[in-house]
Amino acid sequence: MRIEIHVRPASSKTVVGGEYDGVLVVRVVEPADGGRATAASLRAVAKALALPQRSVTLARGATSRRKLIDIAVAPGASASITTMLQELRANRTDDR
């Protein structure tokens, strides 16, 4: 499964939720230097979806706020992951 995320580095807390320009927002505490925010965003998405970290990988956008990520899901689990992603997009957080 492949989705786009919008990463907001240097936030006050790490939060996955909300939508910006049609994609899932991932706020991370780490700054955007040396790939730290990217790595933190992948970890945050994996945690939010209750998946192992190795299941979420970067496909495109290492230096961009908009990233394309691959999520490896077990056969038959796509529907539940899709539902979880829709719920995360619907959850709006206060940290902007």
N, C-alpha and C. Protein backbone atom coordinates (compact mmCIF):
# COMPACT_ATOMS: atom_id res chain seq x y z
N MET A 1 0.85 -1.16 0.00
CA MET A 1 0.00 0.00 0.00
C MET A 1 0.91 1.23 0.00
N ARG A 2 0.53 2.23 -0.78
CA ARG A 2 1.35 3.44 -0.90
C ARG A 2 0.47 4.66 -0.59
N ILE A 3 0.96 5.52 0.32
CA ILE A 3 0.21 6.74 0.65
C ILE A 3 1.16 7.93 0.69
N GLU A 4 0.58 9.11 0.61
CA GLU A 4 1.35 10.34 0.76
C GLU A 4 1.12 10.90 2.16
N ILE A 5 2.17 11.50 2.71
CA ILE A 5 2.06 12.17 4.00
C ILE A 5 2.67 13.56 3.87
N HIS A 6 2.26 14.45 4.76
CA HIS A 6 2.84 15.79 4.85
C HIS A 6 3.50 15.87 6.23
N VAL A 7 4.81 16.04 6.25
CA VAL A 7 5.56 16.05 7.50
C VAL A 7 5.76 17.49 7.97
N ARG A 8 5.49 17.71 9.24
CA ARG A 8 5.73 19.01 9.87
C ARG A 8 6.78 18.81 10.96
N PRO A 9 8.03 19.11 10.63
CA PRO A 9 9.12 18.91 11.60
C PRO A 9 9.12 19.97 12.69
N ALA A 10 9.86 19.71 13.74
CA ALA A 10 10.07 20.62 14.86
C ALA A 10 8.75 21.03 15.52
N SER A 11 7.80 20.11 15.62
CA SER A 11 6.54 20.37 16.31
C SER A 11 6.75 20.18 17.81
N SER A 12 5.78 20.61 18.58
CA SER A 12 5.91 20.48 20.03
C SER A 12 5.76 19.03 20.50
N LYS A 13 5.08 18.21 19.67
CA LYS A 13 4.94 16.79 20.01
C LYS A 13 4.76 16.00 18.73
N THR A 14 5.00 14.70 18.81
CA THR A 14 4.82 13.83 17.65
C THR A 14 3.38 13.35 17.62
N VAL A 15 2.71 13.66 16.51
CA VAL A 15 1.28 13.33 16.36
C VAL A 15 1.02 12.96 14.90
N VAL A 16 0.26 11.90 14.71
CA VAL A 16 -0.20 11.52 13.38
C VAL A 16 -1.70 11.77 13.36
N GLY A 17 -2.12 12.67 12.48
CA GLY A 17 -3.55 12.94 12.39
C GLY A 17 -3.83 14.26 11.71
N GLY A 18 -4.97 14.32 11.08
CA GLY A 18 -5.37 15.50 10.36
C GLY A 18 -5.03 15.37 8.89
N GLU A 19 -5.43 16.38 8.17
CA GLU A 19 -5.23 16.36 6.73
C GLU A 19 -4.77 17.73 6.26
N TYR A 20 -3.84 17.74 5.33
CA TYR A 20 -3.37 18.97 4.70
C TYR A 20 -3.27 18.72 3.21
N ASP A 21 -4.00 19.48 2.45
CA ASP A 21 -3.97 19.37 0.99
C ASP A 21 -4.26 17.94 0.53
N GLY A 22 -5.17 17.27 1.25
CA GLY A 22 -5.60 15.94 0.85
C GLY A 22 -4.76 14.78 1.31
N VAL A 23 -3.74 15.03 2.12
CA VAL A 23 -2.89 13.93 2.59
C VAL A 23 -2.78 13.95 4.11
N LEU A 24 -2.38 12.82 4.67
CA LEU A 24 -2.23 12.65 6.11
C LEU A 24 -1.09 13.51 6.64
N VAL A 25 -1.33 14.18 7.76
CA VAL A 25 -0.30 15.03 8.38
C VAL A 25 0.40 14.24 9.47
N VAL A 26 1.73 14.34 9.48
CA VAL A 26 2.56 13.72 10.52
C VAL A 26 3.42 14.81 11.12
N ARG A 27 3.18 15.13 12.38
CA ARG A 27 3.98 16.13 13.08
C ARG A 27 5.03 15.40 13.92
N VAL A 28 6.27 15.87 13.83
CA VAL A 28 7.35 15.22 14.59
C VAL A 28 8.16 16.27 15.33
N VAL A 29 8.72 15.88 16.46
CA VAL A 29 9.53 16.76 17.28
C VAL A 29 10.89 17.02 16.63
N GLU A 30 11.42 16.05 15.92
CA GLU A 30 12.75 16.15 15.34
C GLU A 30 12.81 17.24 14.27
N PRO A 31 13.97 17.90 14.18
CA PRO A 31 14.15 18.93 13.15
C PRO A 31 14.39 18.30 11.78
N ALA A 32 14.24 19.11 10.76
CA ALA A 32 14.41 18.64 9.38
C ALA A 32 15.87 18.76 8.94
N ASP A 33 16.73 18.04 9.60
CA ASP A 33 18.14 18.03 9.17
C ASP A 33 18.68 16.62 9.26
N GLY A 34 19.42 16.25 8.25
CA GLY A 34 20.03 14.92 8.24
C GLY A 34 19.04 13.77 8.17
N GLY A 35 17.84 14.01 7.72
CA GLY A 35 16.86 12.94 7.61
C GLY A 35 16.20 12.54 8.91
N ARG A 36 16.43 13.32 9.97
CA ARG A 36 15.87 12.96 11.27
C ARG A 36 14.34 13.04 11.29
N ALA A 37 13.78 14.08 10.67
CA ALA A 37 12.32 14.22 10.63
C ALA A 37 11.69 13.11 9.79
N THR A 38 12.35 12.75 8.70
CA THR A 38 11.83 11.68 7.85
C THR A 38 11.78 10.36 8.61
N ALA A 39 12.87 10.02 9.27
CA ALA A 39 12.92 8.77 10.04
C ALA A 39 11.87 8.78 11.15
N ALA A 40 11.73 9.92 11.82
CA ALA A 40 10.75 10.02 12.90
C ALA A 40 9.33 9.89 12.36
N SER A 41 9.08 10.44 11.18
CA SER A 41 7.73 10.35 10.61
C SER A 41 7.39 8.91 10.24
N LEU A 42 8.35 8.16 9.73
CA LEU A 42 8.11 6.75 9.40
C LEU A 42 7.81 5.95 10.67
N ARG A 43 8.57 6.22 11.73
CA ARG A 43 8.32 5.54 13.01
C ARG A 43 6.93 5.89 13.55
N ALA A 44 6.56 7.16 13.43
CA ALA A 44 5.27 7.61 13.95
C ALA A 44 4.10 6.96 13.21
N VAL A 45 4.21 6.86 11.89
CA VAL A 45 3.15 6.23 11.11
C VAL A 45 3.04 4.75 11.48
N ALA A 46 4.18 4.08 11.60
CA ALA A 46 4.16 2.66 11.98
C ALA A 46 3.50 2.47 13.34
N LYS A 47 3.84 3.33 14.29
CA LYS A 47 3.25 3.23 15.62
C LYS A 47 1.75 3.51 15.58
N ALA A 48 1.34 4.52 14.82
CA ALA A 48 -0.09 4.87 14.74
C ALA A 48 -0.91 3.75 14.12
N LEU A 49 -0.30 2.98 13.23
CA LEU A 49 -0.99 1.87 12.58
C LEU A 49 -0.76 0.53 13.26
N ALA A 50 -0.03 0.56 14.37
CA ALA A 50 0.29 -0.66 15.13
C ALA A 50 1.02 -1.69 14.26
N LEU A 51 1.99 -1.19 13.49
CA LEU A 51 2.79 -2.05 12.62
C LEU A 51 4.25 -2.00 13.05
N PRO A 52 5.03 -3.01 12.71
CA PRO A 52 6.46 -2.95 12.97
C PRO A 52 7.09 -1.82 12.15
N GLN A 53 8.14 -1.21 12.66
CA GLN A 53 8.79 -0.10 11.95
C GLN A 53 9.25 -0.48 10.56
N ARG A 54 9.68 -1.71 10.39
CA ARG A 54 10.17 -2.15 9.08
C ARG A 54 9.08 -2.21 8.03
N SER A 55 7.81 -2.13 8.45
CA SER A 55 6.68 -2.19 7.52
C SER A 55 6.42 -0.86 6.81
N VAL A 56 7.02 0.22 7.30
CA VAL A 56 6.80 1.54 6.71
C VAL A 56 8.13 2.05 6.17
N THR A 57 8.19 2.26 4.85
CA THR A 57 9.42 2.71 4.22
C THR A 57 9.16 3.90 3.31
N LEU A 58 10.19 4.67 3.08
CA LEU A 58 10.11 5.85 2.23
C LEU A 58 10.27 5.45 0.77
N ALA A 59 9.35 5.90 -0.06
CA ALA A 59 9.44 5.63 -1.50
C ALA A 59 9.95 6.86 -2.25
N ARG A 60 9.55 8.05 -1.78
CA ARG A 60 9.96 9.28 -2.46
C ARG A 60 9.80 10.46 -1.51
N GLY A 61 10.69 11.45 -1.65
CA GLY A 61 10.54 12.69 -0.89
C GLY A 61 11.44 12.83 0.31
N ALA A 62 12.65 12.34 0.24
CA ALA A 62 13.56 12.38 1.39
C ALA A 62 13.81 13.81 1.88
N THR A 63 13.83 14.78 0.99
CA THR A 63 14.12 16.16 1.39
C THR A 63 12.90 17.07 1.31
N SER A 64 11.74 16.51 1.07
CA SER A 64 10.52 17.28 0.92
C SER A 64 9.60 17.05 2.11
N ARG A 65 8.73 18.00 2.37
CA ARG A 65 7.74 17.79 3.42
C ARG A 65 6.68 16.79 2.98
N ARG A 66 6.41 16.76 1.69
CA ARG A 66 5.46 15.81 1.13
C ARG A 66 6.23 14.55 0.77
N LYS A 67 5.83 13.44 1.35
CA LYS A 67 6.55 12.17 1.15
C LYS A 67 5.58 11.09 0.69
N LEU A 68 6.10 10.19 -0.10
CA LEU A 68 5.36 9.01 -0.51
C LEU A 68 5.95 7.84 0.25
N ILE A 69 5.10 7.11 0.97
CA ILE A 69 5.60 6.00 1.78
C ILE A 69 4.91 4.71 1.38
N ASP A 70 5.62 3.62 1.55
CA ASP A 70 5.08 2.29 1.32
C ASP A 70 4.77 1.66 2.67
N ILE A 71 3.60 1.05 2.76
CA ILE A 71 3.21 0.35 3.98
C ILE A 71 2.99 -1.11 3.62
N ALA A 72 3.82 -1.97 4.16
CA ALA A 72 3.70 -3.41 3.91
C ALA A 72 2.66 -3.98 4.86
N VAL A 73 1.60 -4.53 4.29
CA VAL A 73 0.54 -5.10 5.11
C VAL A 73 0.32 -6.56 4.73
N ALA A 74 -0.10 -7.33 5.68
CA ALA A 74 -0.37 -8.75 5.46
C ALA A 74 -1.59 -8.89 4.55
N PRO A 75 -1.62 -9.95 3.79
CA PRO A 75 -2.80 -10.18 2.94
C PRO A 75 -4.07 -10.19 3.79
N GLY A 76 -5.07 -9.48 3.33
CA GLY A 76 -6.33 -9.41 4.06
C GLY A 76 -6.39 -8.30 5.09
N ALA A 77 -5.28 -7.62 5.35
CA ALA A 77 -5.27 -6.55 6.35
C ALA A 77 -5.41 -5.17 5.72
N SER A 78 -5.46 -5.09 4.41
CA SER A 78 -5.53 -3.80 3.72
C SER A 78 -6.76 -3.00 4.13
N ALA A 79 -7.88 -3.67 4.27
CA ALA A 79 -9.12 -2.97 4.62
C ALA A 79 -9.02 -2.31 5.99
N SER A 80 -8.45 -3.02 6.96
CA SER A 80 -8.34 -2.44 8.30
C SER A 80 -7.33 -1.30 8.33
N ILE A 81 -6.24 -1.40 7.59
CA ILE A 81 -5.25 -0.32 7.52
C ILE A 81 -5.87 0.89 6.84
N THR A 82 -6.63 0.67 5.78
CA THR A 82 -7.30 1.77 5.08
C THR A 82 -8.26 2.49 6.01
N THR A 83 -9.00 1.73 6.80
CA THR A 83 -9.93 2.32 7.76
C THR A 83 -9.19 3.14 8.80
N MET A 84 -8.08 2.61 9.30
CA MET A 84 -7.28 3.34 10.29
C MET A 84 -6.74 4.63 9.70
N LEU A 85 -6.28 4.59 8.45
CA LEU A 85 -5.77 5.80 7.80
C LEU A 85 -6.87 6.85 7.63
N GLN A 86 -8.06 6.42 7.28
CA GLN A 86 -9.19 7.35 7.14
C GLN A 86 -9.51 8.00 8.48
N GLU A 87 -9.47 7.22 9.55
CA GLU A 87 -9.73 7.76 10.89
C GLU A 87 -8.65 8.74 11.29
N LEU A 88 -7.39 8.44 10.98
CA LEU A 88 -6.30 9.36 11.30
C LEU A 88 -6.45 10.67 10.54
N ARG A 89 -6.82 10.60 9.27
CA ARG A 89 -7.03 11.83 8.48
C ARG A 89 -8.16 12.67 9.05
N ALA A 90 -9.19 12.02 9.56
CA ALA A 90 -10.35 12.73 10.11
C ALA A 90 -10.03 13.38 11.46
N ASN A 91 -9.05 12.85 12.18
CA ASN A 91 -8.68 13.40 13.48
C ASN A 91 -7.85 14.65 13.29
N ARG A 92 -8.39 15.74 13.73
CA ARG A 92 -7.67 17.02 13.62
C ARG A 92 -6.96 17.28 14.94
N THR A 93 -5.71 17.70 14.86
CA THR A 93 -4.96 17.98 16.07
C THR A 93 -4.79 19.49 16.21
N ASP A 94 -4.51 19.95 17.40
CA ASP A 94 -4.39 21.39 17.67
C ASP A 94 -3.04 21.96 17.30
N ASP A 95 -1.99 21.15 17.30
CA ASP A 95 -0.64 21.63 17.00
C ASP A 95 -0.52 21.90 15.51
N ARG A 96 -0.32 23.13 15.13
CA ARG A 96 -0.20 23.45 13.71
C ARG A 96 1.17 23.95 13.46
